[in-house]
Amino acid sequence: SSPGPSGENFSSKVLPRRLLEADALPPDMDIPRPMLGLHIRRGDSCQVSLRAGRCLPLQDYFNGVDAVIREYGIRSALLATDEGQFATQVEDHLASQGVTVLRQKRDLGLEAAEDWIEKRLQRKEIDRSAVMNSTLSDLTALLRSDVFVLQLSSNLSRLVLELSSLLFHR
């Protein structure tokens, strides 16, 4: 990290405050534990990248989720996704196993993308601030999970894993 204008460490001062402001889960919220963090992205990278048509089917996520529920006795799950069409199926699957599902419902206009989100942001087709707040909110909420199911094909999934290891030594 680099020093800010007055010499303070930018990443240790500004970023944590921004992350706290974006936290999707109130600190005093009574969340049944252990909690699963589930990150599903099947948008732009599944449509326009080298992975087009080769992203994991939803059933593969279910197989991973089911194994984690059995192994760790999961009681709640945080679903971090902008993929509304899949979210309902995932919520139903988790609920059928008695798992409480936490999810922010939002419409950022990211579904059925024909182009990369970065290009759509440049063209001002989607709200940059809303996307950033949504991403930070997912990040902070996922970091409060006890166990993860992540495909690790997105930068956000990899960041969650790295930050979790760094911050919580797990």
Protein backbone atom coordinates (compact mmCIF):
# COMPACT_ATOMS: atom_id res chain seq x y z
CA SER A 1 0.00 0.00 0.00
CA SER A 2 1.14 3.52 -0.68
CA PRO A 3 1.07 6.55 1.61
CA GLY A 4 -1.85 8.94 1.16
CA PRO A 5 -1.63 12.73 0.84
CA SER A 6 -0.81 13.22 4.53
CA GLY A 7 1.35 10.12 4.84
CA GLU A 8 -1.33 7.77 6.21
CA ASN A 9 -1.57 4.25 4.89
CA PHE A 10 -4.46 4.38 2.39
CA SER A 11 -5.40 0.70 2.50
CA SER A 12 -5.45 0.46 6.30
CA LYS A 13 -7.42 3.67 6.90
CA VAL A 14 -9.84 4.27 4.04
CA LEU A 15 -10.62 0.80 2.74
CA PRO A 16 -11.68 -0.74 6.08
CA ARG A 17 -13.99 2.23 6.77
CA ARG A 18 -15.54 1.81 3.32
CA LEU A 19 -15.94 -1.92 3.89
CA LEU A 20 -17.66 -1.33 7.23
CA GLU A 21 -20.04 1.15 5.62
CA ALA A 22 -20.92 -1.43 2.96
CA ASP A 23 -21.50 -4.33 5.38
CA ALA A 24 -24.70 -6.07 4.33
CA LEU A 25 -25.17 -7.79 7.68
CA PRO A 26 -25.72 -5.64 10.77
CA PRO A 27 -23.13 -6.56 13.45
CA ASP A 28 -25.85 -7.33 15.98
CA MET A 29 -27.84 -9.55 13.61
CA ASP A 30 -28.52 -12.96 15.13
CA ILE A 31 -27.22 -15.29 12.41
CA PRO A 32 -27.54 -19.04 12.96
CA ARG A 33 -24.04 -20.55 12.93
CA PRO A 34 -22.18 -22.05 11.25
CA MET A 35 -22.82 -19.91 8.17
CA LEU A 36 -21.94 -20.85 4.60
CA GLY A 37 -20.74 -18.15 2.21
CA LEU A 38 -21.80 -18.97 -1.33
CA HIS A 39 -20.59 -16.87 -4.25
CA ILE A 40 -22.14 -17.56 -7.64
CA ARG A 41 -21.17 -15.64 -10.74
CA ARG A 42 -22.50 -16.77 -14.07
CA GLY A 43 -22.71 -13.43 -15.82
CA ASP A 44 -20.36 -11.68 -18.20
CA SER A 45 -17.38 -14.02 -17.83
CA CYS A 46 -19.61 -17.00 -18.65
CA GLN A 47 -20.96 -15.27 -21.73
CA VAL A 48 -18.08 -13.44 -23.40
CA SER A 49 -14.80 -14.94 -22.19
CA LEU A 50 -12.82 -18.05 -23.03
CA ARG A 51 -15.12 -19.80 -20.51
CA ALA A 52 -18.23 -18.94 -22.55
CA GLY A 53 -20.54 -21.91 -22.34
CA ARG A 54 -18.18 -23.74 -19.96
CA CYS A 55 -19.09 -22.27 -16.56
CA LEU A 56 -20.16 -24.67 -13.85
CA PRO A 57 -23.75 -25.81 -14.00
CA LEU A 58 -25.84 -24.95 -10.97
CA GLN A 59 -25.99 -28.63 -9.98
CA ASP A 60 -22.20 -28.56 -9.41
CA TYR A 61 -22.69 -25.74 -6.88
CA PHE A 62 -25.46 -27.80 -5.23
CA ASN A 63 -23.15 -30.80 -4.94
CA GLY A 64 -20.51 -28.66 -3.18
CA VAL A 65 -23.10 -27.00 -0.97
CA ASP A 66 -24.66 -30.32 0.04
CA ALA A 67 -21.26 -31.73 1.02
CA VAL A 68 -20.47 -28.66 3.14
CA ILE A 69 -23.89 -28.73 4.83
CA ARG A 70 -23.33 -32.38 5.82
CA GLU A 71 -19.70 -31.89 6.86
CA TYR A 72 -20.14 -28.73 8.96
CA GLY A 73 -23.80 -28.76 10.02
CA ILE A 74 -24.52 -25.48 8.23
CA ARG A 75 -27.52 -23.60 9.65
CA SER A 76 -27.46 -20.45 7.50
CA ALA A 77 -26.07 -19.35 4.17
CA LEU A 78 -25.18 -16.01 2.69
CA LEU A 79 -25.82 -16.00 -1.04
CA ALA A 80 -23.70 -13.40 -2.84
CA THR A 81 -24.87 -13.12 -6.41
CA ASP A 82 -26.36 -10.75 -8.93
CA GLU A 83 -27.80 -13.70 -10.83
CA GLY A 84 -31.49 -13.51 -9.93
CA GLN A 85 -32.50 -16.41 -12.15
CA PHE A 86 -30.18 -18.74 -10.23
CA ALA A 87 -30.66 -17.17 -6.81
CA THR A 88 -34.23 -18.40 -6.48
CA GLN A 89 -33.20 -21.97 -7.32
CA VAL A 90 -30.33 -21.82 -4.82
CA GLU A 91 -32.55 -20.34 -2.11
CA ASP A 92 -35.12 -23.10 -2.67
CA HIS A 93 -32.42 -25.78 -2.55
CA LEU A 94 -30.96 -24.44 0.71
CA ALA A 95 -34.37 -23.94 2.32
CA SER A 96 -35.33 -27.54 1.48
CA GLN A 97 -32.44 -28.58 3.74
CA GLY A 98 -33.50 -26.32 6.60
CA VAL A 99 -30.82 -23.70 5.95
CA THR A 100 -31.73 -20.04 6.57
CA VAL A 101 -30.79 -17.99 3.50
CA LEU A 102 -29.53 -14.42 3.73
CA ARG A 103 -29.36 -12.44 0.50
CA GLN A 104 -29.58 -8.85 -0.60
CA LYS A 105 -32.04 -8.51 -3.41
CA ARG A 106 -30.91 -5.93 -5.89
CA ASP A 107 -31.16 -5.24 -9.57
CA LEU A 108 -28.04 -3.68 -10.99
CA GLY A 109 -28.84 -4.60 -14.57
CA LEU A 110 -26.02 -7.15 -14.69
CA GLU A 111 -27.92 -10.23 -15.80
CA ALA A 112 -27.86 -11.51 -19.38
CA ALA A 113 -24.75 -9.50 -20.12
CA GLU A 114 -23.56 -9.43 -23.70
CA ASP A 115 -20.37 -7.61 -22.77
CA TRP A 116 -17.87 -7.31 -19.91
CA ILE A 117 -19.06 -5.36 -16.88
CA GLU A 118 -15.96 -3.12 -17.15
CA LYS A 119 -16.94 -2.07 -20.68
CA ARG A 120 -20.53 -1.50 -19.62
CA LEU A 121 -19.28 0.70 -16.76
CA GLN A 122 -17.15 2.73 -19.19
CA ARG A 123 -20.18 3.28 -21.42
CA LYS A 124 -22.17 4.32 -18.31
CA GLU A 125 -24.78 1.63 -18.96
CA ILE A 126 -24.75 0.66 -15.30
CA ASP A 127 -24.29 2.66 -12.10
CA ARG A 128 -20.61 2.53 -11.06
CA SER A 129 -21.33 3.43 -7.44
CA ALA A 130 -24.09 0.81 -7.09
CA VAL A 131 -21.81 -1.89 -8.52
CA MET A 132 -18.99 -0.92 -6.16
CA ASN A 133 -21.27 -0.83 -3.12
CA SER A 134 -22.79 -4.17 -4.11
CA THR A 135 -19.33 -5.73 -4.51
CA LEU A 136 -18.09 -4.39 -1.18
CA SER A 137 -21.28 -5.50 0.52
CA ASP A 138 -20.87 -9.04 -0.84
CA LEU A 139 -17.21 -9.04 0.17
CA THR A 140 -17.82 -7.98 3.77
CA ALA A 141 -20.73 -10.37 4.19
CA LEU A 142 -18.80 -13.31 2.73
CA LEU A 143 -15.92 -12.58 5.09
CA ARG A 144 -18.31 -13.09 8.01
CA SER A 145 -19.07 -16.63 6.82
CA ASP A 146 -17.55 -19.65 8.53
CA VAL A 147 -17.20 -21.85 5.42
CA PHE A 148 -17.16 -20.99 1.70
CA VAL A 149 -18.24 -22.58 -1.56
CA LEU A 150 -16.47 -20.58 -4.24
CA GLN A 151 -15.67 -21.42 -7.84
CA LEU A 152 -12.56 -19.21 -7.73
CA SER A 153 -13.03 -18.16 -11.34
CA SER A 154 -13.81 -14.58 -10.33
CA ASN A 155 -11.55 -12.04 -8.70
CA LEU A 156 -14.09 -11.54 -5.91
CA SER A 157 -14.00 -15.23 -4.92
CA ARG A 158 -10.22 -15.24 -4.87
CA LEU A 159 -10.17 -11.99 -2.86
CA VAL A 160 -12.57 -13.46 -0.26
CA LEU A 161 -10.32 -16.48 0.16
CA GLU A 162 -7.14 -14.38 0.41
CA LEU A 163 -8.62 -11.83 2.85
CA SER A 164 -10.15 -14.55 4.98
CA SER A 165 -6.77 -16.22 5.28
CA LEU A 166 -5.02 -12.93 6.03
CA LEU A 167 -7.54 -11.49 8.48
CA PHE A 168 -8.71 -14.62 10.29
CA HIS A 169 -5.78 -17.03 9.83
CA ARG A 170 -8.04 -19.72 8.39
